[in-house]
């Protein structure tokens, strides 16, 4: 004789217990997933920086120990790649697997009229229309971007969306642009062999936010509210220091020898920031400071730097200011190790 069993449904308490267990498991797994994602982003960022340093070495081999210029201008007859107007990342395109783009701009014509104007690309490497459709300045360069940057919006800084694609890497002005050429170009003092402090002790590139709203010279209670950022194809500081992807700029932020405030004495060498707020201008007297345009910063737990020998070193936000300054200057006779800070 068979009897029909009536299946008992889950009670409300049992459902709540199951939901609670699932919630706990998700809460335990989510940080691990986020940590793995951040580790992947940091590794990718490190590779990007290393590739920039290697591009510089390949440039140096190709052009007999010369370094790429921070800012190239028409009139610099000795320019390794010939005369054109553009910044360091455009210069390095052939060494970042984008030689065809570089050649198209330098050798092509910009067909905005009939007949087209030939070789306009050398005078305007940022508005050149690739395929007569897209200006090069809005072409996003994944190899120059870090997805841990909170100010990055689909490849653009939040203050340049659709106008200029951004860079998350700054080039060291002390290495690539310290000498002012008569053409207006900012060029290196020498080649790799001229880095007397040692390539492993000299910063070549560092991380930086794509967009900020603030800059300050000496951590003083004054503000420089505005709109700033780093644009990969920007032509250089003669247009504006505020958008040129560079650090250690001693032209716009020179050493003030008479100052007794170390930060004010060397405004170009202020130390890196770790995960600062990027979209606010806060009271500078309150720590932590907001993202400062003239300082390196990162969305990682450290700021990664590509040294001139091709190695990538993590730098913390508490690094000694003097050690950081020495690492930026390629020939000051000081060679402290960043790995000890």
Protein backbone atom coordinates (compact mmCIF):
# COMPACT_ATOMS: atom_id res chain seq x y z
CA UNK A 1 0.00 0.00 0.00
CA UNK A 2 1.42 3.30 -1.05
CA UNK A 3 0.89 6.53 0.75
CA UNK A 4 1.31 9.92 -0.84
CA UNK A 5 3.93 11.99 0.85
CA UNK A 6 3.47 15.70 0.90
CA UNK A 7 6.77 17.48 0.36
CA UNK A 8 7.40 20.12 2.92
CA UNK A 9 8.40 23.52 1.49
CA UNK A 10 11.30 25.53 2.81
CA UNK A 11 10.37 27.65 5.74
CA UNK A 12 11.09 31.36 5.75
CA UNK A 13 13.83 30.84 8.32
CA UNK A 14 15.55 28.24 6.13
CA UNK A 15 15.42 30.53 3.10
CA UNK A 16 16.91 33.36 5.10
CA UNK A 17 19.71 31.07 6.31
CA UNK A 18 20.52 30.02 2.73
CA UNK A 19 20.49 33.63 1.56
CA UNK A 20 22.74 34.63 4.46
CA UNK A 21 25.22 31.83 3.61
CA UNK A 22 25.30 32.92 -0.03
CA UNK A 23 25.84 36.53 1.05
CA UNK A 24 28.74 35.52 3.29
CA UNK A 25 30.35 33.51 0.47
CA UNK A 26 30.01 36.45 -1.92
CA UNK A 27 31.45 38.81 0.70
CA UNK A 28 34.42 36.47 1.12
CA UNK A 29 35.01 36.00 -2.59
CA UNK A 30 34.53 39.59 -3.76
CA UNK A 31 37.71 41.03 -2.17
CA UNK A 32 39.71 38.16 -3.66
CA UNK A 33 38.25 38.84 -7.11
CA UNK A 34 38.95 42.57 -6.75
CA UNK A 35 42.50 41.88 -5.56
CA UNK A 36 43.13 39.58 -8.52
CA UNK A 37 41.77 42.20 -10.90
CA UNK A 38 43.95 44.92 -9.39
CA UNK A 39 47.01 42.66 -9.52
CA UNK A 40 46.33 42.11 -13.22
CA UNK A 41 45.97 45.84 -13.83
CA UNK A 42 49.15 46.61 -11.93
CA UNK A 43 51.05 43.96 -13.90
CA UNK A 44 49.73 45.37 -17.17
CA UNK A 45 50.72 48.87 -16.08
CA UNK A 46 54.21 47.66 -15.19
CA UNK A 47 54.53 46.09 -18.65
CA UNK A 48 53.44 49.37 -20.29
CA UNK A 49 56.12 51.27 -18.41
CA UNK A 50 58.76 48.70 -19.24
CA UNK A 51 57.82 48.88 -22.91
CA UNK A 52 58.24 52.66 -22.83
CA UNK A 53 61.74 52.28 -21.40
CA UNK A 54 62.58 49.62 -23.99
CA UNK A 55 61.23 51.90 -26.74
CA UNK A 56 63.69 54.56 -25.56
CA UNK A 57 66.54 52.03 -25.72
CA UNK A 58 65.56 50.97 -29.24
CA UNK A 59 65.36 54.63 -30.24
CA UNK A 60 68.85 55.13 -28.79
CA UNK A 61 70.24 52.15 -30.72
CA UNK A 62 68.62 53.33 -33.96
CA UNK A 63 69.86 56.91 -33.62
CA UNK A 64 73.34 56.30 -32.18
CA UNK A 65 72.88 56.90 -28.46
CA UNK A 66 70.42 59.78 -28.81
CA UNK A 67 67.28 60.06 -26.70
CA UNK A 68 63.80 61.13 -27.85
CA UNK A 69 62.97 64.78 -27.22
CA UNK A 70 60.27 65.88 -24.82
CA UNK A 71 59.08 68.41 -27.40
CA UNK A 72 60.06 68.56 -31.07
CA UNK A 73 59.52 71.67 -33.21
CA UNK A 74 59.92 72.63 -36.84
CA UNK A 75 63.36 74.22 -37.22
CA UNK A 76 65.32 71.62 -35.30
CA UNK A 77 67.39 70.50 -38.28
CA UNK A 78 69.26 67.87 -36.26
CA UNK A 79 66.11 66.05 -35.12
CA UNK A 80 66.78 62.30 -35.43
CA UNK A 81 63.53 61.58 -37.31
CA UNK A 82 63.46 64.82 -39.27
CA UNK A 83 61.51 67.99 -38.62
CA UNK A 84 57.98 67.85 -37.23
CA UNK A 85 55.98 69.32 -34.39
CA UNK A 86 54.97 66.88 -31.67
CA UNK A 87 55.55 65.39 -28.24
CA UNK A 88 57.59 62.47 -26.95
CA UNK A 89 54.94 59.78 -27.29
CA UNK A 90 54.31 60.63 -30.92
CA UNK A 91 58.08 60.46 -31.41
CA UNK A 92 58.15 56.97 -29.89
CA UNK A 93 55.27 55.53 -31.96
CA UNK A 94 57.62 53.63 -34.34
CA UNK A 95 59.13 51.91 -31.30
CA UNK A 96 55.74 51.06 -29.79
CA UNK A 97 54.65 48.99 -32.80
CA UNK A 98 52.90 51.94 -34.41
CA UNK A 99 55.37 52.88 -37.10
CA UNK A 100 52.69 52.88 -39.79
CA UNK A 101 50.73 55.56 -37.92
CA UNK A 102 53.86 57.67 -37.49
CA UNK A 103 54.75 57.33 -41.19
CA UNK A 104 51.22 58.12 -42.28
CA UNK A 105 51.27 61.39 -40.37
CA UNK A 106 54.81 62.44 -41.33
CA UNK A 107 54.60 61.45 -45.00
CA UNK A 108 50.93 61.89 -45.70
CA UNK A 109 48.67 64.75 -46.66
CA UNK A 110 45.75 66.13 -44.76
CA UNK A 111 42.91 66.20 -47.25
CA UNK A 112 40.78 69.04 -45.96
CA UNK A 113 40.58 70.84 -49.29
CA UNK A 114 40.98 70.33 -52.99
CA UNK A 115 43.75 69.90 -53.88
CA UNK A 116 44.94 68.49 -50.52
CA UNK A 117 47.70 70.23 -48.60
CA UNK A 118 50.72 67.93 -48.58
CA UNK A 119 52.95 67.22 -45.58
CA UNK A 120 50.72 69.16 -43.21
CA UNK A 121 51.21 66.32 -40.76
CA UNK A 122 54.69 67.48 -39.79
CA UNK A 123 53.25 70.82 -38.65
CA UNK A 124 50.27 69.34 -36.83
CA UNK A 125 50.79 65.78 -35.60
CA UNK A 126 47.73 65.90 -33.35
CA UNK A 127 44.96 66.94 -35.77
CA UNK A 128 46.14 64.82 -38.70
CA UNK A 129 43.10 62.89 -39.93
CA UNK A 130 43.80 59.16 -40.06
CA UNK A 131 41.87 57.83 -43.03
CA UNK A 132 40.46 61.34 -43.45
CA UNK A 133 38.06 60.42 -40.67
CA UNK A 134 39.61 60.59 -37.20
CA UNK A 135 42.14 63.09 -35.81
CA UNK A 136 45.03 61.20 -34.25
CA UNK A 137 44.65 63.04 -30.93
CA UNK A 138 41.45 61.14 -30.11
CA UNK A 139 42.88 57.72 -30.96
CA UNK A 140 43.19 55.89 -27.65
CA UNK A 141 46.50 54.21 -26.90
CA UNK A 142 45.97 51.27 -24.49
CA UNK A 143 49.75 50.91 -24.07
CA UNK A 144 49.82 54.42 -22.55
CA UNK A 145 46.91 53.93 -20.16
CA UNK A 146 46.29 52.28 -16.80
CA UNK A 147 42.80 51.03 -15.97
CA UNK A 148 43.35 51.61 -12.23
CA UNK A 149 43.20 55.37 -12.81
CA UNK A 150 39.83 56.60 -11.47
CA UNK A 151 40.01 59.74 -13.64
CA UNK A 152 40.07 57.72 -16.88
CA UNK A 153 36.75 57.49 -18.77
CA UNK A 154 36.85 55.11 -21.76
CA UNK A 155 40.38 56.19 -22.64
CA UNK A 156 39.87 59.90 -21.94
CA UNK A 157 40.42 62.00 -18.86
CA UNK A 158 37.01 63.07 -17.54
CA UNK A 159 37.77 66.66 -18.59
CA UNK A 160 38.72 65.76 -22.20
CA UNK A 161 36.18 63.12 -23.24
CA UNK A 162 35.96 62.99 -27.03
CA UNK A 163 38.60 65.72 -27.47
CA UNK A 164 42.05 64.37 -26.56
CA UNK A 165 42.88 60.79 -25.57
CA UNK A 166 44.87 60.58 -22.37
CA UNK A 167 48.11 59.12 -21.08
CA UNK A 168 48.72 57.71 -17.61
CA UNK A 169 52.49 57.93 -17.92
CA UNK A 170 54.66 60.98 -17.48
CA UNK A 171 58.14 61.36 -18.96
CA UNK A 172 60.98 62.83 -16.94
CA UNK A 173 61.73 66.34 -18.18
CA UNK A 174 65.20 66.18 -16.61
CA UNK A 175 66.09 63.29 -18.92
CA UNK A 176 64.23 64.11 -22.13
CA UNK A 177 63.79 67.88 -22.25
CA UNK A 178 66.20 69.84 -20.09
CA UNK A 179 67.96 71.66 -22.95
CA UNK A 180 66.07 74.39 -24.82
CA UNK A 181 66.87 74.38 -28.53
CA UNK A 182 66.64 77.52 -30.65
CA UNK A 183 63.71 76.04 -32.56
CA UNK A 184 61.71 75.82 -29.34
CA UNK A 185 62.30 72.10 -29.02
CA UNK A 186 62.93 70.73 -25.53
CA UNK A 187 65.67 68.16 -26.07
CA UNK A 188 67.87 65.89 -23.93
CA UNK A 189 71.21 67.10 -22.65
CA UNK A 190 72.79 63.93 -24.06
CA UNK A 191 72.21 60.26 -24.76
CA UNK A 192 71.97 57.19 -22.57
CA UNK A 193 75.71 57.29 -22.07
CA UNK A 194 75.33 60.79 -20.62
CA UNK A 195 73.26 59.57 -17.65
CA UNK A 196 76.21 59.67 -15.31
CA UNK A 197 74.26 58.68 -12.19
CA UNK A 198 73.47 55.35 -13.84
CA UNK A 199 70.44 54.26 -15.84
CA UNK A 200 69.26 51.97 -13.03
CA UNK A 201 69.19 54.95 -10.64
CA UNK A 202 67.38 57.42 -12.90
CA UNK A 203 63.62 57.65 -13.40
CA UNK A 204 62.53 57.73 -17.04
CA UNK A 205 58.74 57.44 -16.73
CA UNK A 206 56.23 57.47 -13.92
CA UNK A 207 52.51 57.01 -13.46
CA UNK A 208 50.11 59.95 -13.28
CA UNK A 209 46.37 60.56 -13.37
CA UNK A 210 44.79 61.38 -16.71
CA UNK A 211 42.85 64.30 -15.23
CA UNK A 212 42.97 66.49 -12.13
CA UNK A 213 41.45 69.77 -10.95
CA UNK A 214 44.30 71.14 -8.91
CA UNK A 215 47.99 71.93 -8.59
CA UNK A 216 50.07 73.36 -5.77
CA UNK A 217 53.73 74.31 -5.63
CA UNK A 218 54.72 73.68 -2.05
CA UNK A 219 51.92 72.14 0.03
CA UNK A 220 51.05 75.64 1.15
CA UNK A 221 47.51 76.88 1.93
CA UNK A 222 47.01 78.17 -1.62
CA UNK A 223 45.24 76.53 -4.50
CA UNK A 224 45.58 76.27 -8.26
CA UNK A 225 42.04 75.25 -9.12
CA UNK A 226 41.36 74.56 -12.78
CA UNK A 227 41.41 71.76 -15.31
CA UNK A 228 44.58 69.77 -15.93
CA UNK A 229 45.60 66.44 -17.38
CA UNK A 230 47.93 64.36 -19.52
CA UNK A 231 47.25 64.02 -23.24
CA UNK A 232 49.38 61.47 -25.08
CA UNK A 233 49.56 63.36 -28.39
CA UNK A 234 49.82 66.87 -26.94
CA UNK A 235 52.50 68.88 -28.78
CA UNK A 236 54.38 70.05 -25.68
CA UNK A 237 54.70 72.55 -22.86
CA UNK A 238 54.94 75.55 -25.18
CA UNK A 239 51.20 75.08 -25.67
CA UNK A 240 50.63 74.42 -21.97
CA UNK A 241 52.51 72.60 -19.23
CA UNK A 242 49.12 71.66 -17.77
CA UNK A 243 48.36 69.08 -20.48
CA UNK A 244 51.85 67.80 -21.35
CA UNK A 245 52.60 64.30 -19.98
CA UNK A 246 55.77 65.14 -18.08
CA UNK A 247 57.15 65.44 -14.57
CA UNK A 248 60.12 67.28 -13.07
CA UNK A 249 59.45 70.36 -15.21
CA UNK A 250 62.03 72.93 -14.11
CA UNK A 251 60.96 75.58 -16.61
CA UNK A 252 57.52 76.27 -15.18
CA UNK A 253 58.46 75.15 -11.65
CA UNK A 254 62.11 76.13 -11.19
CA UNK A 255 64.24 75.63 -8.10
CA UNK A 256 63.89 78.45 -5.57
CA UNK A 257 67.30 78.41 -3.94
CA UNK A 258 66.42 81.06 -1.36
CA UNK A 259 63.44 79.19 0.07
CA UNK A 260 63.70 77.47 3.43
CA UNK A 261 60.70 75.26 2.69
CA UNK A 262 62.04 72.08 1.01
CA UNK A 263 58.83 71.59 -1.00
CA UNK A 264 58.94 75.21 -2.17
CA UNK A 265 62.66 75.02 -2.91
CA UNK A 266 62.18 72.11 -5.32
CA UNK A 267 58.57 72.36 -6.57
CA UNK A 268 59.44 70.28 -9.65
CA UNK A 269 60.43 67.31 -7.49
CA UNK A 270 57.47 66.85 -5.16
CA UNK A 271 56.91 63.27 -4.06
CA UNK A 272 54.30 60.85 -5.49
CA UNK A 273 50.71 60.47 -4.28
CA UNK A 274 48.87 57.20 -3.68
CA UNK A 275 45.19 57.09 -4.69
CA UNK A 276 44.40 60.78 -4.15
CA UNK A 277 40.99 62.21 -5.05
CA UNK A 278 41.07 63.39 -8.64
CA UNK A 279 37.88 65.38 -9.14
CA UNK A 280 37.89 67.80 -6.20
CA UNK A 281 39.85 70.81 -5.05
CA UNK A 282 40.08 70.35 -1.30
CA UNK A 283 41.63 72.57 1.32
CA UNK A 284 45.36 72.07 0.85
CA UNK A 285 45.89 72.38 4.60
CA UNK A 286 43.96 69.14 5.10
CA UNK A 287 45.68 65.80 4.55
CA UNK A 288 45.35 63.83 2.32
CA UNK A 289 45.92 66.32 -0.46
CA UNK A 290 43.90 66.04 -3.68
CA UNK A 291 45.59 64.88 -6.88
CA UNK A 292 48.25 67.45 -7.77
CA UNK A 293 49.02 67.90 -11.48
CA UNK A 294 52.74 68.46 -10.93
CA UNK A 295 53.16 65.30 -8.84
CA UNK A 296 53.05 61.65 -9.92
CA UNK A 297 50.11 59.63 -8.61
CA UNK A 298 48.61 56.20 -9.05
CA UNK A 299 45.43 54.24 -8.47
CA UNK A 300 47.60 51.34 -7.27
CA UNK A 301 48.99 50.99 -3.75
CA UNK A 302 52.30 52.33 -5.11
CA UNK A 303 53.44 54.58 -7.96
CA UNK A 304 55.35 52.52 -10.53
CA UNK A 305 58.38 54.05 -12.22
CA UNK A 306 60.31 52.87 -15.26
CA UNK A 307 63.99 53.42 -14.71
CA UNK A 308 66.24 54.25 -17.63
CA UNK A 309 67.73 50.75 -17.65
CA UNK A 310 64.28 49.26 -18.37
CA UNK A 311 63.48 48.05 -14.86
CA UNK A 312 60.21 49.01 -13.16
CA UNK A 313 60.31 49.98 -9.48
CA UNK A 314 57.37 50.58 -7.11
CA UNK A 315 57.64 53.83 -5.14
CA UNK A 316 55.59 54.52 -2.03
CA UNK A 317 53.98 57.79 -1.07
CA UNK A 318 56.30 58.20 1.91
CA UNK A 319 59.54 58.23 -0.07
CA UNK A 320 62.07 60.76 1.17
CA UNK A 321 61.82 63.96 -0.89
CA UNK A 322 65.59 64.25 -1.31
CA UNK A 323 65.92 60.66 -2.54
CA UNK A 324 63.10 61.24 -5.03
CA UNK A 325 64.76 64.42 -6.33
CA UNK A 326 68.08 62.66 -6.79
CA UNK A 327 66.35 59.87 -8.76
CA UNK A 328 64.85 62.43 -11.14
CA UNK A 329 68.14 64.17 -11.92
CA UNK A 330 70.32 62.01 -14.23
CA UNK A 331 73.61 63.75 -13.52
CA UNK A 332 73.65 65.34 -10.07
CA UNK A 333 76.28 62.96 -8.72
CA UNK A 334 73.77 61.32 -6.39
CA UNK A 335 72.48 57.80 -6.99
CA UNK A 336 70.34 56.56 -4.10
CA UNK A 337 68.31 53.40 -4.61
CA UNK A 338 64.54 53.83 -4.84
CA UNK A 339 64.09 50.21 -3.80
CA UNK A 340 65.21 51.09 -0.28
CA UNK A 341 62.33 53.54 0.21
